[in-house]
Amino acid sequence: MSLENNTKLIIEKTAGVTDLNKKVKFDLTDEGIIHIDATVTPPSVSNNDLDADVTFVLSQENFEGLIDGSLNPQMAFMMGKFKIEGDMGLALKLADIFE
């Protein structure tokens, strides 16, 4: 899937989010950035490299696995398939959004 398609998917998944009030960034290594600003309603999603409360650094393939449920987030993190920079509590909270 392309960065554009993944961005559209995130827009759909975050449309109903009203209580997060944080900024999240997915750094898809060589593919680009997906930035979610959930301090506004509805959340704003862009491909701009902006500051975030938590950043996930991972490949586009692993990102897609997390989104579609084929990659277990806890196992993937333990196996080093992605890194988390910033608010670890927020990272754990995001699992509910992407289910």
C-alpha atoms as a PDB file:
ATOM      1  CA  MET A   1       0.000   0.000   0.000  1.00  0.00           C
ATOM      2  CA  SER A   2       1.227   3.527  -0.684  1.00  0.00           C
ATOM      3  CA  LEU A   3       1.863   6.269   1.851  1.00  0.00           C
ATOM      4  CA  GLU A   4      -1.185   8.072   0.455  1.00  0.00           C
ATOM      5  CA  ASN A   5      -3.429   5.038   1.004  1.00  0.00           C
ATOM      6  CA  ASN A   6      -2.056   4.466   4.508  1.00  0.00           C
ATOM      7  CA  THR A   7      -2.697   8.138   5.333  1.00  0.00           C
ATOM      8  CA  LYS A   8      -6.312   7.820   4.144  1.00  0.00           C
ATOM      9  CA  LEU A   9      -6.715   4.697   6.291  1.00  0.00           C
ATOM     10  CA  ILE A  10      -5.447   6.565   9.366  1.00  0.00           C
ATOM     11  CA  ILE A  11      -7.856   9.423   8.640  1.00  0.00           C
ATOM     12  CA  GLU A  12     -10.726   6.893   8.654  1.00  0.00           C
ATOM     13  CA  LYS A  13      -9.519   5.137  11.825  1.00  0.00           C
ATOM     14  CA  THR A  14      -9.057   8.363  13.787  1.00  0.00           C
ATOM     15  CA  ALA A  15     -12.198  10.198  12.622  1.00  0.00           C
ATOM     16  CA  GLY A  16     -14.153   9.294  15.767  1.00  0.00           C
ATOM     17  CA  VAL A  17     -11.331   9.853  18.250  1.00  0.00           C
ATOM     18  CA  THR A  18     -12.274  12.628  20.672  1.00  0.00           C
ATOM     19  CA  ASP A  19     -10.391  11.944  23.909  1.00  0.00           C
ATOM     20  CA  LEU A  20      -6.766  11.394  22.899  1.00  0.00           C
ATOM     21  CA  ASN A  21      -5.662  15.063  22.973  1.00  0.00           C
ATOM     22  CA  LYS A  22      -2.093  14.180  21.886  1.00  0.00           C
ATOM     23  CA  LYS A  23       0.073  14.186  18.768  1.00  0.00           C
ATOM     24  CA  VAL A  24       1.321  10.938  17.235  1.00  0.00           C
ATOM     25  CA  LYS A  25       3.829  10.375  14.459  1.00  0.00           C
ATOM     26  CA  PHE A  26       4.544   7.272  12.407  1.00  0.00           C
ATOM     27  CA  ASP A  27       7.976   7.509  10.792  1.00  0.00           C
ATOM     28  CA  LEU A  28       7.798   4.947   8.014  1.00  0.00           C
ATOM     29  CA  THR A  29      11.571   5.078   7.464  1.00  0.00           C
ATOM     30  CA  ASP A  30      12.136   5.632   3.714  1.00  0.00           C
ATOM     31  CA  GLU A  31       8.435   5.926   2.808  1.00  0.00           C
ATOM     32  CA  GLY A  32       7.509   9.094   4.711  1.00  0.00           C
ATOM     33  CA  ILE A  33       5.651  10.381   7.759  1.00  0.00           C
ATOM     34  CA  ILE A  34       2.074  10.108   8.990  1.00  0.00           C
ATOM     35  CA  HIS A  35       1.346  12.708  11.665  1.00  0.00           C
ATOM     36  CA  ILE A  36      -1.854  12.707  13.717  1.00  0.00           C
ATOM     37  CA  ASP A  37      -2.820  15.809  15.683  1.00  0.00           C
ATOM     38  CA  ALA A  38      -5.572  14.647  18.023  1.00  0.00           C
ATOM     39  CA  THR A  39      -5.551  17.923  19.969  1.00  0.00           C
ATOM     40  CA  VAL A  40      -8.213  19.094  17.504  1.00  0.00           C
ATOM     41  CA  THR A  41     -11.584  17.526  16.662  1.00  0.00           C
ATOM     42  CA  PRO A  42     -11.693  15.750  14.306  1.00  0.00           C
ATOM     43  CA  PRO A  43      -8.012  14.802  14.428  1.00  0.00           C
ATOM     44  CA  SER A  44      -5.837  16.315  11.721  1.00  0.00           C
ATOM     45  CA  VAL A  45      -3.736  13.840   9.708  1.00  0.00           C
ATOM     46  CA  SER A  46      -0.883  14.918   7.444  1.00  0.00           C
ATOM     47  CA  ASN A  47       2.415  13.754   5.997  1.00  0.00           C
ATOM     48  CA  ASN A  48       4.343  16.611   7.598  1.00  0.00           C
ATOM     49  CA  ASP A  49       7.278  15.859   9.892  1.00  0.00           C
ATOM     50  CA  LEU A  50       5.981  17.716  12.957  1.00  0.00           C
ATOM     51  CA  ASP A  51       6.648  17.335  16.692  1.00  0.00           C
ATOM     52  CA  ALA A  52       4.690  14.596  18.445  1.00  0.00           C
ATOM     53  CA  ASP A  53       4.147  13.224  21.942  1.00  0.00           C
ATOM     54  CA  VAL A  54       5.047   9.752  20.697  1.00  0.00           C
ATOM     55  CA  THR A  55       6.809   8.590  17.534  1.00  0.00           C
ATOM     56  CA  PHE A  56       6.768   5.091  16.109  1.00  0.00           C
ATOM     57  CA  VAL A  57       9.712   4.309  13.824  1.00  0.00           C
ATOM     58  CA  LEU A  58       9.010   1.316  11.596  1.00  0.00           C
ATOM     59  CA  SER A  59       8.881   0.047   8.049  1.00  0.00           C
ATOM     60  CA  GLN A  60       5.793   0.532   5.930  1.00  0.00           C
ATOM     61  CA  GLU A  61       5.326  -3.256   5.890  1.00  0.00           C
ATOM     62  CA  ASN A  62       5.310  -3.467   9.704  1.00  0.00           C
ATOM     63  CA  PHE A  63       3.012  -0.422   9.911  1.00  0.00           C
ATOM     64  CA  GLU A  64       0.510  -2.149   7.648  1.00  0.00           C
ATOM     65  CA  GLY A  65       0.765  -5.313   9.772  1.00  0.00           C
ATOM     66  CA  LEU A  66      -0.034  -3.332  12.921  1.00  0.00           C
ATOM     67  CA  ILE A  67      -2.987  -1.624  11.243  1.00  0.00           C
ATOM     68  CA  ASP A  68      -4.515  -4.779   9.747  1.00  0.00           C
ATOM     69  CA  GLY A  69      -3.912  -6.850  12.897  1.00  0.00           C
ATOM     70  CA  SER A  70      -1.541  -9.375  11.328  1.00  0.00           C
ATOM     71  CA  LEU A  71       1.356  -8.127  13.493  1.00  0.00           C
ATOM     72  CA  ASN A  72       1.014  -8.276  17.283  1.00  0.00           C
ATOM     73  CA  PRO A  73       2.199  -4.899  18.657  1.00  0.00           C
ATOM     74  CA  GLN A  74       3.765  -6.298  21.835  1.00  0.00           C
ATOM     75  CA  MET A  75       5.630  -9.079  20.032  1.00  0.00           C
ATOM     76  CA  ALA A  76       6.733  -6.745  17.249  1.00  0.00           C
ATOM     77  CA  PHE A  77       8.129  -4.257  19.765  1.00  0.00           C
ATOM     78  CA  MET A  78       9.953  -6.993  21.703  1.00  0.00           C
ATOM     79  CA  MET A  79      11.425  -8.333  18.449  1.00  0.00           C
ATOM     80  CA  GLY A  80      12.665  -4.875  17.470  1.00  0.00           C
ATOM     81  CA  LYS A  81      10.355  -4.485  14.469  1.00  0.00           C
ATOM     82  CA  PHE A  82       9.634  -0.920  15.557  1.00  0.00           C
ATOM     83  CA  LYS A  83      10.905   1.662  18.012  1.00  0.00           C
ATOM     84  CA  ILE A  84       8.919   3.999  20.227  1.00  0.00           C
ATOM     85  CA  GLU A  85      10.225   7.458  21.057  1.00  0.00           C
ATOM     86  CA  GLY A  86       8.413   9.561  23.635  1.00  0.00           C
ATOM     87  CA  ASP A  87       5.327   8.832  25.740  1.00  0.00           C
ATOM     88  CA  MET A  88       5.193   5.046  26.231  1.00  0.00           C
ATOM     89  CA  GLY A  89       1.830   5.271  28.031  1.00  0.00           C
ATOM     90  CA  LEU A  90       0.339   6.958  24.985  1.00  0.00           C
ATOM     91  CA  ALA A  91       1.790   4.245  22.769  1.00  0.00           C
ATOM     92  CA  LEU A  92      -0.079   1.616  24.779  1.00  0.00           C
ATOM     93  CA  LYS A  93      -3.305   3.636  24.613  1.00  0.00           C
ATOM     94  CA  LEU A  94      -3.192   3.701  20.814  1.00  0.00           C
ATOM     95  CA  ALA A  95      -3.802  -0.043  20.535  1.00  0.00           C
ATOM     96  CA  ASP A  96      -7.509   0.615  21.181  1.00  0.00           C
ATOM     97  CA  ILE A  97      -7.753   3.015  18.258  1.00  0.00           C
ATOM     98  CA  PHE A  98      -6.294   0.652  15.689  1.00  0.00           C
ATOM     99  CA  GLU A  99      -8.286  -2.451  16.582  1.00  0.00           C
END
